[in-house]
């Protein structure tokens, strides 16, 4: 009596296994195509920028938003306008100035997060004059250097770079920058 019950139990357990429909084979992958699917134009833009501030004998506040476009997978072009307010307390009375301008940049990602960058920067700046006021002038700079982008999320990166200003003239005392080497830090967000 135990044998027929054991056989019946085995059949009841095995029956659902035989009743299943066989799996259909996975569809064949599409043939390789010469073109990769294009990234939607809206996903090729990225935004970001930087802010800066310093307080002491010379107070300053700077705002520099950025917008860029991924032309091809490793090549980006962008624009970064900026505004800088400075109050220099080393003069009596203190001298307040405003500088503004924009940077056009091109970045090529070399490997991992490393990139090479070339910039053209236009700056309209003020400097103290001998009469106790300020004089406004312009400065065109051509910069070249490199940097590294640290991913901090799926679409967010923190970047830092060092650029050399090939237009820098150390003999010009009324220049907007004290050194031919410029360091930048900022954040970019791509969608």
N, C-alpha and C. Protein backbone atom coordinates (compact mmCIF):
# COMPACT_ATOMS: atom_id res chain seq x y z
N UNK A 1 0.80 -1.18 0.00
CA UNK A 1 0.00 0.00 0.00
C UNK A 1 0.85 1.25 0.00
N UNK A 2 2.03 1.15 0.55
CA UNK A 2 2.89 2.30 0.60
C UNK A 2 3.44 2.61 -0.79
N UNK A 3 3.71 1.61 -1.61
CA UNK A 3 4.28 1.84 -2.93
C UNK A 3 3.33 2.62 -3.84
N UNK A 4 2.03 2.28 -3.96
CA UNK A 4 1.17 3.06 -4.84
C UNK A 4 1.03 4.50 -4.36
N UNK A 5 1.01 4.73 -3.06
CA UNK A 5 0.90 6.10 -2.54
C UNK A 5 2.16 6.90 -2.87
N UNK A 6 3.30 6.26 -2.78
CA UNK A 6 4.58 6.91 -3.08
C UNK A 6 4.67 7.23 -4.57
N UNK A 7 4.21 6.32 -5.44
CA UNK A 7 4.21 6.55 -6.88
C UNK A 7 3.25 7.68 -7.22
N UNK A 8 2.07 7.70 -6.62
CA UNK A 8 1.08 8.75 -6.86
C UNK A 8 1.62 10.11 -6.42
N UNK A 9 2.25 10.15 -5.27
CA UNK A 9 2.83 11.39 -4.76
C UNK A 9 3.93 11.89 -5.70
N UNK A 10 4.76 10.99 -6.19
CA UNK A 10 5.82 11.36 -7.13
C UNK A 10 5.25 11.91 -8.42
N UNK A 11 4.17 11.32 -8.91
CA UNK A 11 3.54 11.80 -10.15
C UNK A 11 2.94 13.18 -9.93
N UNK A 12 2.28 13.38 -8.76
CA UNK A 12 1.68 14.69 -8.48
C UNK A 12 2.75 15.79 -8.37
N UNK A 13 3.90 15.45 -7.83
CA UNK A 13 4.98 16.43 -7.71
C UNK A 13 5.60 16.69 -9.08
N UNK A 14 5.78 15.66 -9.90
CA UNK A 14 6.46 15.80 -11.18
C UNK A 14 5.55 16.35 -12.27
N UNK A 15 4.25 16.19 -12.14
CA UNK A 15 3.32 16.61 -13.18
C UNK A 15 3.42 18.09 -13.52
N UNK A 16 3.49 18.98 -12.53
CA UNK A 16 3.60 20.40 -12.92
C UNK A 16 4.88 20.69 -13.70
N UNK A 17 5.93 19.92 -13.45
CA UNK A 17 7.17 20.15 -14.18
C UNK A 17 6.99 19.82 -15.67
N UNK A 18 6.23 18.75 -15.96
CA UNK A 18 6.01 18.39 -17.36
C UNK A 18 4.94 19.25 -18.02
N UNK A 19 4.08 19.85 -17.21
CA UNK A 19 2.98 20.63 -17.77
C UNK A 19 3.43 22.02 -18.22
N UNK A 20 4.60 22.46 -17.79
CA UNK A 20 5.06 23.79 -18.18
C UNK A 20 5.37 23.83 -19.67
N UNK A 21 5.08 24.98 -20.25
CA UNK A 21 5.41 25.12 -21.66
C UNK A 21 6.91 25.34 -21.79
N UNK A 22 7.48 24.84 -22.83
CA UNK A 22 8.92 25.05 -22.98
C UNK A 22 9.23 26.53 -23.21
N UNK A 23 10.37 26.94 -22.70
CA UNK A 23 10.78 28.33 -22.87
C UNK A 23 11.09 28.59 -24.33
N UNK A 24 10.66 29.75 -24.76
CA UNK A 24 10.97 30.14 -26.13
C UNK A 24 12.41 30.62 -26.17
N UNK A 25 13.09 30.35 -27.23
CA UNK A 25 14.46 30.83 -27.31
C UNK A 25 14.48 32.36 -27.33
N UNK A 26 15.52 32.92 -26.75
CA UNK A 26 15.67 34.38 -26.72
C UNK A 26 15.78 34.90 -28.14
N UNK A 27 15.19 36.07 -28.40
CA UNK A 27 15.28 36.60 -29.77
C UNK A 27 16.74 36.91 -30.10
N UNK A 28 17.06 36.73 -31.32
CA UNK A 28 18.43 37.00 -31.78
C UNK A 28 18.70 38.49 -31.68
N UNK A 29 19.91 38.86 -31.28
CA UNK A 29 20.22 40.29 -31.19
C UNK A 29 20.16 40.92 -32.58
N UNK A 30 19.79 42.19 -32.61
CA UNK A 30 19.72 42.84 -33.93
C UNK A 30 21.10 42.88 -34.56
N UNK A 31 21.14 42.87 -35.86
CA UNK A 31 22.46 42.91 -36.52
C UNK A 31 23.18 44.20 -36.16
N UNK A 32 24.49 44.13 -36.04
CA UNK A 32 25.21 45.35 -35.69
C UNK A 32 25.01 46.41 -36.76
N UNK A 33 24.79 47.60 -36.28
CA UNK A 33 24.56 48.67 -37.23
C UNK A 33 25.77 49.59 -37.23
N UNK A 34 25.96 50.28 -38.28
CA UNK A 34 27.11 51.17 -38.41
C UNK A 34 26.93 52.40 -37.53
N UNK A 35 25.70 52.75 -37.19
CA UNK A 35 25.45 53.95 -36.41
C UNK A 35 24.97 53.58 -35.01
N UNK A 36 25.50 54.29 -34.01
CA UNK A 36 24.99 54.14 -32.65
C UNK A 36 23.78 55.04 -32.53
N UNK A 37 22.86 54.67 -31.62
CA UNK A 37 21.71 55.57 -31.45
C UNK A 37 22.21 56.92 -30.93
N UNK A 38 21.68 57.98 -31.47
CA UNK A 38 22.11 59.33 -31.10
C UNK A 38 21.49 59.72 -29.76
N UNK A 39 22.31 60.42 -28.96
CA UNK A 39 21.83 60.95 -27.69
C UNK A 39 20.91 62.13 -27.99
N UNK A 40 19.73 62.18 -27.34
CA UNK A 40 18.84 63.33 -27.59
C UNK A 40 19.57 64.64 -27.29
N UNK A 41 19.29 65.66 -28.06
CA UNK A 41 20.00 66.93 -27.95
C UNK A 41 19.93 67.51 -26.54
N UNK A 42 18.81 67.36 -25.87
CA UNK A 42 18.67 67.90 -24.51
C UNK A 42 19.58 67.22 -23.51
N UNK A 43 19.98 66.00 -23.77
CA UNK A 43 20.86 65.26 -22.86
C UNK A 43 22.32 65.58 -23.09
N UNK A 44 22.60 66.39 -24.09
CA UNK A 44 23.99 66.73 -24.39
C UNK A 44 24.42 68.04 -23.73
N UNK A 45 23.49 68.76 -23.12
CA UNK A 45 23.81 69.99 -22.41
C UNK A 45 24.21 69.67 -20.97
N UNK A 46 25.10 70.48 -20.42
CA UNK A 46 25.41 70.40 -19.00
C UNK A 46 25.52 71.81 -18.45
N UNK A 47 25.27 71.93 -17.16
CA UNK A 47 25.21 73.22 -16.49
C UNK A 47 26.05 73.16 -15.22
N UNK A 48 26.37 74.30 -14.68
CA UNK A 48 27.12 74.33 -13.44
C UNK A 48 27.76 75.67 -13.24
N UNK A 49 28.98 75.65 -12.69
CA UNK A 49 29.70 76.89 -12.47
C UNK A 49 30.34 76.91 -11.11
N UNK A 50 30.67 78.09 -10.68
CA UNK A 50 31.33 78.24 -9.39
C UNK A 50 30.98 79.58 -8.76
N UNK A 51 31.22 79.66 -7.48
CA UNK A 51 31.08 80.89 -6.73
C UNK A 51 32.34 81.03 -5.88
N UNK A 52 32.68 82.26 -5.56
CA UNK A 52 33.86 82.48 -4.74
C UNK A 52 33.64 83.67 -3.84
N UNK A 53 34.32 83.70 -2.72
CA UNK A 53 34.23 84.82 -1.79
C UNK A 53 35.46 84.83 -0.91
N UNK A 54 35.87 86.03 -0.53
CA UNK A 54 36.99 86.20 0.37
C UNK A 54 36.75 87.48 1.15
N UNK A 55 37.07 87.46 2.43
CA UNK A 55 36.86 88.63 3.27
C UNK A 55 38.11 88.88 4.09
N UNK A 56 38.47 90.13 4.21
CA UNK A 56 39.69 90.53 4.91
C UNK A 56 40.05 91.94 4.46
N UNK A 57 41.34 92.18 4.21
CA UNK A 57 41.75 93.49 3.68
C UNK A 57 41.14 93.73 2.31
N UNK A 58 41.03 92.67 1.53
CA UNK A 58 40.38 92.74 0.22
C UNK A 58 39.19 91.78 0.24
N UNK A 59 37.99 92.34 0.16
CA UNK A 59 36.77 91.52 0.11
C UNK A 59 36.39 91.34 -1.35
N UNK A 60 35.96 90.13 -1.69
CA UNK A 60 35.43 89.95 -3.03
C UNK A 60 34.39 88.85 -3.04
N UNK A 61 33.48 88.96 -3.98
CA UNK A 61 32.44 87.95 -4.23
C UNK A 61 32.39 87.75 -5.73
N UNK A 62 32.38 86.49 -6.16
CA UNK A 62 32.35 86.18 -7.59
C UNK A 62 31.28 85.12 -7.87
N UNK A 63 30.58 85.29 -8.97
CA UNK A 63 29.57 84.34 -9.43
C UNK A 63 29.90 84.01 -10.89
N UNK A 64 29.95 82.69 -11.21
CA UNK A 64 30.31 82.28 -12.57
C UNK A 64 29.49 81.06 -13.00
N UNK A 65 28.26 81.29 -13.49
CA UNK A 65 27.47 80.15 -14.00
C UNK A 65 28.08 79.61 -15.29
N UNK A 66 27.70 78.39 -15.64
CA UNK A 66 28.29 77.76 -16.83
C UNK A 66 27.23 76.95 -17.57
N UNK A 67 27.32 76.95 -18.90
CA UNK A 67 26.51 76.07 -19.73
C UNK A 67 27.45 75.48 -20.78
N UNK A 68 27.32 74.18 -21.01
CA UNK A 68 28.17 73.51 -21.97
C UNK A 68 27.38 72.54 -22.83
N UNK A 69 28.03 72.07 -23.88
CA UNK A 69 27.38 71.16 -24.83
C UNK A 69 28.38 70.08 -25.22
N UNK A 70 27.96 68.82 -25.12
CA UNK A 70 28.80 67.68 -25.52
C UNK A 70 28.68 67.51 -27.03
N UNK A 71 29.69 67.98 -27.75
CA UNK A 71 29.65 67.94 -29.21
C UNK A 71 29.74 66.50 -29.70
N UNK A 72 30.73 65.78 -29.23
CA UNK A 72 30.91 64.35 -29.47
C UNK A 72 31.27 63.75 -28.11
N UNK A 73 31.30 62.41 -27.97
CA UNK A 73 31.47 61.82 -26.64
C UNK A 73 32.62 62.36 -25.78
N UNK A 74 33.74 62.77 -26.34
CA UNK A 74 34.86 63.22 -25.51
C UNK A 74 35.17 64.71 -25.66
N UNK A 75 34.36 65.45 -26.40
CA UNK A 75 34.65 66.85 -26.70
C UNK A 75 33.49 67.74 -26.30
N UNK A 76 33.77 68.74 -25.44
CA UNK A 76 32.76 69.67 -24.95
C UNK A 76 33.13 71.10 -25.31
N UNK A 77 32.12 71.90 -25.57
CA UNK A 77 32.27 73.34 -25.74
C UNK A 77 31.37 74.02 -24.72
N UNK A 78 31.77 75.19 -24.23
CA UNK A 78 30.92 75.85 -23.25
C UNK A 78 31.19 77.33 -23.12
N UNK A 79 30.31 77.97 -22.36
CA UNK A 79 30.36 79.39 -22.08
C UNK A 79 30.19 79.59 -20.59
N UNK A 80 31.05 80.44 -20.00
CA UNK A 80 30.95 80.72 -18.57
C UNK A 80 31.07 82.23 -18.34
N UNK A 81 29.92 82.94 -18.26
CA UNK A 81 29.98 84.36 -17.91
C UNK A 81 30.33 84.50 -16.43
N UNK A 82 30.87 85.64 -16.05
CA UNK A 82 31.20 85.84 -14.64
C UNK A 82 31.03 87.30 -14.25
N UNK A 83 30.85 87.52 -12.94
CA UNK A 83 30.80 88.85 -12.34
C UNK A 83 31.57 88.78 -11.03
N UNK A 84 32.44 89.78 -10.82
CA UNK A 84 33.25 89.81 -9.60
C UNK A 84 33.17 91.22 -9.00
N UNK A 85 32.81 91.31 -7.72
CA UNK A 85 32.81 92.57 -6.99
C UNK A 85 33.95 92.53 -5.99
N UNK A 86 34.74 93.60 -5.93
CA UNK A 86 35.88 93.66 -5.02
C UNK A 86 35.84 94.97 -4.25
N UNK A 87 36.16 94.90 -2.96
CA UNK A 87 36.30 96.09 -2.12
C UNK A 87 37.67 96.01 -1.47
N UNK A 88 38.58 96.86 -1.93
CA UNK A 88 39.97 96.82 -1.47
C UNK A 88 40.16 97.80 -0.32
N UNK A 89 40.28 97.27 0.88
CA UNK A 89 40.43 98.08 2.10
C UNK A 89 41.85 98.55 2.33
N UNK A 90 42.77 98.20 1.47
CA UNK A 90 44.16 98.66 1.63
C UNK A 90 44.31 100.12 1.23
N UNK A 91 43.29 100.66 0.54
CA UNK A 91 43.29 102.08 0.19
C UNK A 91 42.47 102.83 1.22
N UNK A 92 42.75 104.13 1.36
CA UNK A 92 41.97 104.96 2.27
C UNK A 92 41.41 106.12 1.46
N UNK A 93 40.12 106.24 1.22
CA UNK A 93 39.08 105.27 1.57
C UNK A 93 39.18 104.03 0.67
N UNK A 94 38.46 102.97 1.06
CA UNK A 94 38.50 101.72 0.31
C UNK A 94 37.96 101.94 -1.11
N UNK A 95 38.44 101.11 -2.03
CA UNK A 95 38.06 101.23 -3.44
C UNK A 95 37.26 100.00 -3.84
N UNK A 96 36.03 100.23 -4.32
CA UNK A 96 35.18 99.13 -4.79
C UNK A 96 35.23 99.08 -6.31
N UNK A 97 35.38 97.87 -6.85
CA UNK A 97 35.42 97.69 -8.31
C UNK A 97 34.51 96.54 -8.71
N UNK A 98 34.10 96.55 -9.96
CA UNK A 98 33.30 95.47 -10.54
C UNK A 98 33.96 95.00 -11.82
N UNK A 99 34.14 93.70 -11.94
CA UNK A 99 34.69 93.09 -13.15
C UNK A 99 33.64 92.13 -13.70
N UNK A 100 33.57 92.04 -15.01
CA UNK A 100 32.66 91.09 -15.63
C UNK A 100 33.24 90.63 -16.95
N UNK A 101 32.73 89.54 -17.44
CA UNK A 101 33.21 89.02 -18.72
C UNK A 101 32.66 87.63 -18.96
N UNK A 102 33.36 86.90 -19.84
CA UNK A 102 32.91 85.55 -20.19
C UNK A 102 34.10 84.74 -20.68
N UNK A 103 33.99 83.44 -20.49
CA UNK A 103 34.99 82.50 -20.95
C UNK A 103 34.34 81.53 -21.92
N UNK A 104 34.94 81.36 -23.09
CA UNK A 104 34.56 80.30 -24.03
C UNK A 104 35.58 79.19 -23.82
N UNK A 105 35.11 77.97 -23.61
CA UNK A 105 36.06 76.89 -23.36
C UNK A 105 35.78 75.68 -24.23
N UNK A 106 36.86 74.90 -24.44
CA UNK A 106 36.78 73.62 -25.14
C UNK A 106 37.53 72.62 -24.29
N UNK A 107 36.89 71.48 -24.01
CA UNK A 107 37.51 70.44 -23.20
C UNK A 107 37.50 69.12 -23.97
N UNK A 108 38.62 68.43 -23.87
CA UNK A 108 38.74 67.09 -24.45
C UNK A 108 39.07 66.14 -23.32
N UNK A 109 38.20 65.16 -23.10
CA UNK A 109 38.46 64.15 -22.06
C UNK A 109 39.47 63.16 -22.63
N UNK A 110 40.59 63.00 -21.91
CA UNK A 110 41.68 62.18 -22.39
C UNK A 110 41.51 60.74 -21.91
N UNK A 111 41.47 60.53 -20.61
CA UNK A 111 41.32 59.21 -20.02
C UNK A 111 40.68 59.37 -18.65
N UNK A 112 39.80 58.45 -18.33
CA UNK A 112 39.06 58.49 -17.04
C UNK A 112 38.52 59.91 -16.85
N UNK A 113 38.84 60.57 -15.75
CA UNK A 113 38.31 61.91 -15.48
C UNK A 113 39.23 63.04 -15.93
N UNK A 114 40.38 62.73 -16.52
CA UNK A 114 41.33 63.76 -16.92
C UNK A 114 40.90 64.43 -18.23
N UNK A 115 41.11 65.75 -18.30
CA UNK A 115 40.77 66.48 -19.52
C UNK A 115 41.81 67.55 -19.80
N UNK A 116 41.88 67.95 -21.07
CA UNK A 116 42.70 69.07 -21.53
C UNK A 116 41.72 70.18 -21.87
N UNK A 117 42.07 71.42 -21.52
CA UNK A 117 41.14 72.54 -21.72
C UNK A 117 41.86 73.71 -22.38
N UNK A 118 41.18 74.37 -23.32
CA UNK A 118 41.64 75.61 -23.95
C UNK A 118 40.54 76.64 -23.77
N UNK A 119 40.93 77.86 -23.34
CA UNK A 119 39.95 78.92 -23.07
C UNK A 119 40.33 80.20 -23.79
N UNK A 120 39.28 80.95 -24.15
CA UNK A 120 39.44 82.36 -24.50
C UNK A 120 38.60 83.10 -23.48
N UNK A 121 39.19 84.09 -22.80
CA UNK A 121 38.47 84.83 -21.77
C UNK A 121 38.53 86.32 -22.06
N UNK A 122 37.37 86.95 -22.04
CA UNK A 122 37.26 88.40 -22.16
C UNK A 122 36.89 88.94 -20.79
N UNK A 123 37.65 89.94 -20.32
CA UNK A 123 37.38 90.54 -19.01
C UNK A 123 37.31 92.05 -19.16
N UNK A 124 36.24 92.64 -18.67
CA UNK A 124 36.11 94.08 -18.55
C UNK A 124 36.30 94.36 -17.07
N UNK A 125 37.36 95.09 -16.72
CA UNK A 125 37.72 95.23 -15.31
C UNK A 125 38.02 96.68 -14.94
N UNK A 126 37.97 96.96 -13.63
CA UNK A 126 38.31 98.26 -13.07
C UNK A 126 39.56 98.13 -12.22
N UNK A 127 40.32 99.21 -12.18
CA UNK A 127 41.47 99.24 -11.27
C UNK A 127 41.58 100.66 -10.71
N UNK A 128 42.15 100.78 -9.50
CA UNK A 128 42.29 102.11 -8.88
C UNK A 128 43.25 102.99 -9.69
N UNK A 129 42.91 104.28 -9.83
CA UNK A 129 43.81 105.21 -10.50
C UNK A 129 44.41 106.19 -9.49
N UNK A 130 45.28 107.04 -9.95
CA UNK A 130 45.99 107.96 -9.06
C UNK A 130 45.10 109.07 -8.52
N UNK A 131 43.97 109.32 -9.14
CA UNK A 131 43.09 110.40 -8.71
C UNK A 131 42.15 109.95 -7.59
N UNK A 132 42.27 108.70 -7.14
CA UNK A 132 41.39 108.21 -6.08
C UNK A 132 40.14 107.53 -6.59
N UNK A 133 39.97 107.45 -7.88
CA UNK A 133 38.81 106.77 -8.47
C UNK A 133 39.23 105.45 -9.10
N UNK A 134 38.50 105.07 -10.13
CA UNK A 134 38.81 103.83 -10.84
C UNK A 134 38.81 104.09 -12.34
N UNK A 135 39.53 103.27 -13.06
CA UNK A 135 39.59 103.29 -14.52
C UNK A 135 39.19 101.91 -15.02
N UNK A 136 38.44 101.90 -16.10
CA UNK A 136 37.98 100.63 -16.66
C UNK A 136 38.80 100.30 -17.91
N UNK A 137 39.12 99.00 -18.06
CA UNK A 137 39.89 98.53 -19.20
C UNK A 137 39.40 97.13 -19.57
N UNK A 138 39.92 96.57 -20.66
CA UNK A 138 39.56 95.21 -21.06
C UNK A 138 40.82 94.36 -21.16
N UNK A 139 40.62 93.06 -21.06
CA UNK A 139 41.73 92.12 -21.11
C UNK A 139 41.28 90.87 -21.85
N UNK A 140 42.03 90.47 -22.86
CA UNK A 140 41.77 89.24 -23.61
C UNK A 140 42.83 88.22 -23.21
N UNK A 141 42.40 87.02 -22.85
CA UNK A 141 43.34 85.99 -22.40
C UNK A 141 43.12 84.71 -23.19
N UNK A 142 44.22 84.06 -23.51
CA UNK A 142 44.20 82.75 -24.14
C UNK A 142 44.87 81.78 -23.17
N UNK A 143 44.12 80.79 -22.69
CA UNK A 143 44.61 79.89 -21.65
C UNK A 143 44.61 78.46 -22.13
N UNK A 144 45.55 77.68 -21.60
CA UNK A 144 45.64 76.26 -21.93
C UNK A 144 46.08 75.51 -20.68
N UNK A 145 45.49 74.36 -20.45
CA UNK A 145 45.85 73.56 -19.28
C UNK A 145 45.08 72.27 -19.23
N UNK A 146 44.91 71.78 -18.03
CA UNK A 146 44.20 70.51 -17.86
C UNK A 146 43.58 70.43 -16.49
N UNK A 147 42.84 69.35 -16.30
CA UNK A 147 42.16 69.19 -15.02
C UNK A 147 41.63 67.79 -14.85
N UNK A 148 40.84 67.64 -13.80
CA UNK A 148 40.26 66.35 -13.47
C UNK A 148 38.84 66.57 -12.97
N UNK A 149 37.92 65.72 -13.42
CA UNK A 149 36.52 65.76 -12.97
C UNK A 149 36.26 64.56 -12.08
N UNK A 150 35.77 64.82 -10.87
CA UNK A 150 35.44 63.78 -9.90
C UNK A 150 33.93 63.55 -9.94
N UNK A 151 33.46 62.39 -10.40
CA UNK A 151 32.02 62.14 -10.38
C UNK A 151 31.53 62.04 -8.93
N UNK A 152 30.42 62.74 -8.64
CA UNK A 152 29.83 62.65 -7.31
C UNK A 152 28.36 62.23 -7.38
N UNK A 153 27.98 61.65 -8.49
CA UNK A 153 26.63 61.17 -8.70
C UNK A 153 26.49 60.74 -10.15
N UNK A 154 25.29 60.30 -10.51
CA UNK A 154 25.07 59.84 -11.88
C UNK A 154 25.30 60.94 -12.91
N UNK A 155 24.88 62.15 -12.60
CA UNK A 155 24.97 63.23 -13.57
C UNK A 155 25.71 64.46 -13.03
N UNK A 156 26.38 64.32 -11.91
CA UNK A 156 27.03 65.45 -11.25
C UNK A 156 28.52 65.17 -11.10
N UNK A 157 29.33 66.21 -11.35
CA UNK A 157 30.78 66.07 -11.20
C UNK A 157 31.35 67.34 -10.59
N UNK A 158 32.37 67.17 -9.77
CA UNK A 158 33.16 68.27 -9.22
C UNK A 158 34.43 68.31 -10.06
N UNK A 159 34.81 69.48 -10.54
CA UNK A 159 36.01 69.54 -11.38
C UNK A 159 37.01 70.56 -10.82
N UNK A 160 38.26 70.32 -11.11
CA UNK A 160 39.33 71.24 -10.76
C UNK A 160 40.30 71.28 -11.93
N UNK A 161 40.87 72.46 -12.20
CA UNK A 161 41.80 72.57 -13.32
C UNK A 161 42.83 73.65 -13.04
N UNK A 162 43.93 73.58 -13.76
CA UNK A 162 44.98 74.59 -13.73
C UNK A 162 45.26 74.99 -15.17
N UNK A 163 45.23 76.29 -15.44
CA UNK A 163 45.42 76.80 -16.79
C UNK A 163 46.51 77.86 -16.79
N UNK A 164 47.24 77.94 -17.89
CA UNK A 164 48.28 78.95 -18.04
C UNK A 164 47.80 80.01 -19.02
N UNK A 165 47.94 81.29 -18.64
CA UNK A 165 47.51 82.41 -19.47
C UNK A 165 48.67 82.85 -20.36
N UNK A 166 48.60 82.53 -21.65
CA UNK A 166 49.64 82.88 -22.60
C UNK A 166 49.62 84.37 -22.97
N UNK A 167 48.58 85.12 -22.58
CA UNK A 167 48.50 86.55 -22.85
C UNK A 167 49.03 87.39 -21.70
N UNK A 168 49.44 86.75 -20.63
CA UNK A 168 49.87 87.46 -19.42
C UNK A 168 51.11 88.29 -19.69
N UNK A 169 51.08 89.54 -19.24
CA UNK A 169 52.23 90.44 -19.36
C UNK A 169 52.60 90.91 -17.96
N UNK A 170 53.71 90.41 -17.44
CA UNK A 170 54.14 90.78 -16.10
C UNK A 170 54.54 92.23 -15.96
N UNK A 171 54.76 92.94 -17.06
CA UNK A 171 55.14 94.35 -17.00
C UNK A 171 53.94 95.27 -16.88
N UNK A 172 52.76 94.79 -17.15
CA UNK A 172 51.54 95.59 -17.05
C UNK A 172 51.06 95.59 -15.60
N UNK A 173 51.18 96.71 -14.91
CA UNK A 173 50.81 96.77 -13.48
C UNK A 173 49.31 96.84 -13.29
N UNK A 174 48.55 97.21 -14.30
CA UNK A 174 47.10 97.35 -14.18
C UNK A 174 46.36 96.18 -14.79
N UNK A 175 46.88 94.98 -14.65
CA UNK A 175 46.25 93.78 -15.19
C UNK A 175 45.23 93.23 -14.17
N UNK A 176 44.24 92.49 -14.64
CA UNK A 176 43.22 91.99 -13.72
C UNK A 176 43.66 90.77 -12.90
N UNK A 177 44.76 90.11 -13.29
CA UNK A 177 45.19 88.90 -12.58
C UNK A 177 46.66 89.06 -12.18
N UNK A 178 47.01 88.52 -11.02
CA UNK A 178 48.36 88.66 -10.48
C UNK A 178 49.33 87.59 -10.95
N UNK A 179 48.85 86.58 -11.63
CA UNK A 179 49.70 85.46 -12.01
C UNK A 179 49.23 84.90 -13.35
N UNK A 180 50.14 84.32 -14.14
CA UNK A 180 49.72 83.70 -15.39
C UNK A 180 49.05 82.34 -15.18
N UNK A 181 49.15 81.79 -13.98
CA UNK A 181 48.54 80.49 -13.69
C UNK A 181 47.21 80.72 -12.99
N UNK A 182 46.16 80.06 -13.49
CA UNK A 182 44.82 80.19 -12.90
C UNK A 182 44.32 78.82 -12.48
N UNK A 183 43.77 78.78 -11.29
CA UNK A 183 43.18 77.56 -10.77
C UNK A 183 41.67 77.74 -10.74
N UNK A 184 40.95 76.69 -11.11
CA UNK A 184 39.49 76.73 -11.12
C UNK A 184 38.94 75.50 -10.41
N UNK A 185 37.84 75.69 -9.72
CA UNK A 185 37.07 74.57 -9.18
C UNK A 185 35.60 74.88 -9.44
N UNK A 186 34.82 73.84 -9.59
CA UNK A 186 33.40 74.05 -9.83
C UNK A 186 32.65 72.74 -9.89
N UNK A 187 31.38 72.84 -10.20
CA UNK A 187 30.48 71.69 -10.27
C UNK A 187 29.75 71.75 -11.61
N UNK A 188 29.57 70.60 -12.23
CA UNK A 188 28.77 70.55 -13.45
C UNK A 188 27.71 69.46 -13.30
N UNK A 189 26.55 69.75 -13.88
CA UNK A 189 25.40 68.83 -13.83
C UNK A 189 24.94 68.60 -15.26
N UNK A 190 24.90 67.35 -15.69
CA UNK A 190 24.41 67.01 -17.02
C UNK A 190 23.15 66.19 -16.91
N UNK A 191 22.26 66.34 -17.88
CA UNK A 191 20.98 65.62 -17.81
C UNK A 191 20.87 64.63 -18.93
